[in-house]
Amino acid sequence: MTSSRVQIVVLLYDAAIQSIELARAGIESNDPKEKGRFLGRAISIIGELNSVLDFEQGGEIARSLHRLYEYMLSELVAANVRNDARRLDGPHRCLTTLREGWREIAAQQTRPVGVR
């Protein structure tokens, strides 16, 4: 994956994380419009990340990401239906962990050859 594609993935994770945080604020302030707006945004981002997985090239990593994305989507829908901010904790943690991994990949791709 090229450096620019990796950076796009990091930006998508950033946007999904921010959307979950804003959806949590909507739930906690009892603002269904904001909750729905930001949960919808997070669901769209994660759905898009899921839809572009290449299972042939990505193998087990792609399958693992698919399972994580499906879990996150399920939890986001449950948070919306049940108006339960706690259901956002798991997806938030997953996305944060994944983002850090992708940031490390991005950093490695931008280092000059031979530099650790």
Protein backbone atom coordinates (compact mmCIF):
# COMPACT_ATOMS: atom_id res chain seq x y z
CA MET A 1 0.00 0.00 0.00
CA THR A 2 1.37 3.40 -0.91
CA SER A 3 2.15 6.04 1.69
CA SER A 4 -0.73 8.24 0.55
CA ARG A 5 -3.21 5.34 0.87
CA VAL A 6 -1.95 4.58 4.36
CA GLN A 7 -2.37 8.25 5.29
CA ILE A 8 -5.94 8.17 3.95
CA VAL A 9 -6.70 5.15 6.15
CA VAL A 10 -5.31 7.03 9.17
CA LEU A 11 -7.49 10.04 8.32
CA LEU A 12 -10.54 7.79 8.02
CA TYR A 13 -9.83 6.30 11.44
CA ASP A 14 -9.43 9.84 12.83
CA ALA A 15 -12.80 10.84 11.38
CA ALA A 16 -14.55 7.70 12.67
CA ILE A 17 -13.11 8.19 16.16
CA GLN A 18 -14.15 11.84 16.21
CA SER A 19 -17.63 10.90 14.99
CA ILE A 20 -18.01 8.34 17.78
CA GLU A 21 -16.94 10.93 20.34
CA LEU A 22 -19.47 13.42 18.98
CA ALA A 23 -22.18 10.73 18.89
CA ARG A 24 -21.41 9.98 22.55
CA ALA A 25 -21.88 13.67 23.34
CA GLY A 26 -25.22 13.56 21.50
CA ILE A 27 -26.37 10.57 23.55
CA GLU A 28 -25.20 12.09 26.82
CA SER A 29 -26.88 15.44 26.08
CA ASN A 30 -30.04 13.69 24.89
CA ASP A 31 -29.71 15.17 21.40
CA PRO A 32 -31.01 12.50 19.01
CA LYS A 33 -30.26 14.59 15.92
CA GLU A 34 -26.55 14.88 16.74
CA LYS A 35 -26.37 11.27 17.91
CA GLY A 36 -27.86 10.08 14.63
CA ARG A 37 -25.75 12.38 12.50
CA PHE A 38 -22.45 11.28 13.99
CA LEU A 39 -23.31 7.60 14.37
CA GLY A 40 -24.33 7.66 10.72
CA ARG A 41 -21.01 9.21 9.79
CA ALA A 42 -19.04 6.62 11.80
CA ILE A 43 -21.08 3.78 10.31
CA SER A 44 -20.46 5.10 6.79
CA ILE A 45 -16.71 5.36 7.35
CA ILE A 46 -16.38 1.90 8.88
CA GLY A 47 -18.65 0.46 6.20
CA GLU A 48 -16.44 1.95 3.50
CA LEU A 49 -13.26 0.63 5.15
CA ASN A 50 -14.92 -2.78 5.29
CA SER A 51 -16.04 -2.67 1.66
CA VAL A 52 -12.55 -2.07 0.26
CA LEU A 53 -10.85 -4.97 2.04
CA ASP A 54 -9.01 -7.23 -0.40
CA PHE A 55 -9.40 -10.74 0.98
CA GLU A 56 -7.30 -12.26 -1.78
CA GLN A 57 -4.27 -10.04 -1.16
CA GLY A 58 -4.89 -9.36 2.52
CA GLY A 59 -5.53 -12.93 3.62
CA GLU A 60 -6.00 -13.42 7.35
CA ILE A 61 -5.37 -9.74 8.12
CA ALA A 62 -8.25 -8.72 5.85
CA ARG A 63 -10.50 -11.38 7.41
CA SER A 64 -9.60 -10.16 10.91
CA LEU A 65 -10.28 -6.54 9.95
CA HIS A 66 -13.60 -7.61 8.44
CA ARG A 67 -14.63 -9.27 11.71
CA LEU A 68 -13.59 -6.17 13.68
CA TYR A 69 -15.46 -3.84 11.33
CA GLU A 70 -18.59 -6.02 11.53
CA TYR A 71 -18.38 -6.00 15.34
CA MET A 72 -17.98 -2.21 15.37
CA LEU A 73 -20.91 -1.70 13.00
CA SER A 74 -23.09 -3.93 15.16
CA GLU A 75 -22.16 -2.02 18.32
CA LEU A 76 -22.78 1.36 16.68
CA VAL A 77 -26.24 0.28 15.56
CA ALA A 78 -26.95 -1.06 19.07
CA ALA A 79 -25.78 2.23 20.61
CA ASN A 80 -28.20 4.07 18.36
CA VAL A 81 -31.18 1.79 18.94
CA ARG A 82 -30.66 1.51 22.70
CA ASN A 83 -29.38 5.08 23.14
CA ASP A 84 -26.49 3.55 25.09
CA ALA A 85 -23.19 5.42 25.05
CA ARG A 86 -21.40 2.44 26.64
CA ARG A 87 -21.86 0.52 23.38
CA LEU A 88 -19.46 3.04 21.80
CA ASP A 89 -16.56 2.05 24.06
CA GLY A 90 -15.55 -1.08 22.14
CA PRO A 91 -15.60 0.50 18.68
CA HIS A 92 -13.72 3.52 20.01
CA ARG A 93 -10.99 1.30 21.50
CA CYS A 94 -10.73 -0.82 18.34
CA LEU A 95 -10.43 2.20 16.08
CA THR A 96 -7.87 3.86 18.34
CA THR A 97 -5.71 0.72 18.39
CA LEU A 98 -6.01 0.23 14.63
CA ARG A 99 -5.19 3.88 13.98
CA GLU A 100 -1.98 3.58 16.00
CA GLY A 101 -0.95 0.56 13.95
CA TRP A 102 -1.60 2.38 10.69
CA ARG A 103 0.29 5.44 11.98
CA GLU A 104 3.29 3.22 12.64
CA ILE A 105 3.05 1.82 9.10
CA ALA A 106 2.89 5.38 7.74
CA ALA A 107 5.93 6.39 9.80
CA GLN A 108 7.91 3.39 8.54
CA GLN A 109 7.04 4.20 4.94
CA THR A 110 8.28 7.78 5.25
CA ARG A 111 11.63 6.90 6.85
CA PRO A 112 14.68 6.82 4.60
CA VAL A 113 15.93 3.33 3.77
CA GLY A 114 18.23 1.99 6.48
CA VAL A 115 16.91 4.28 9.24
CA ARG A 116 15.05 2.77 12.17
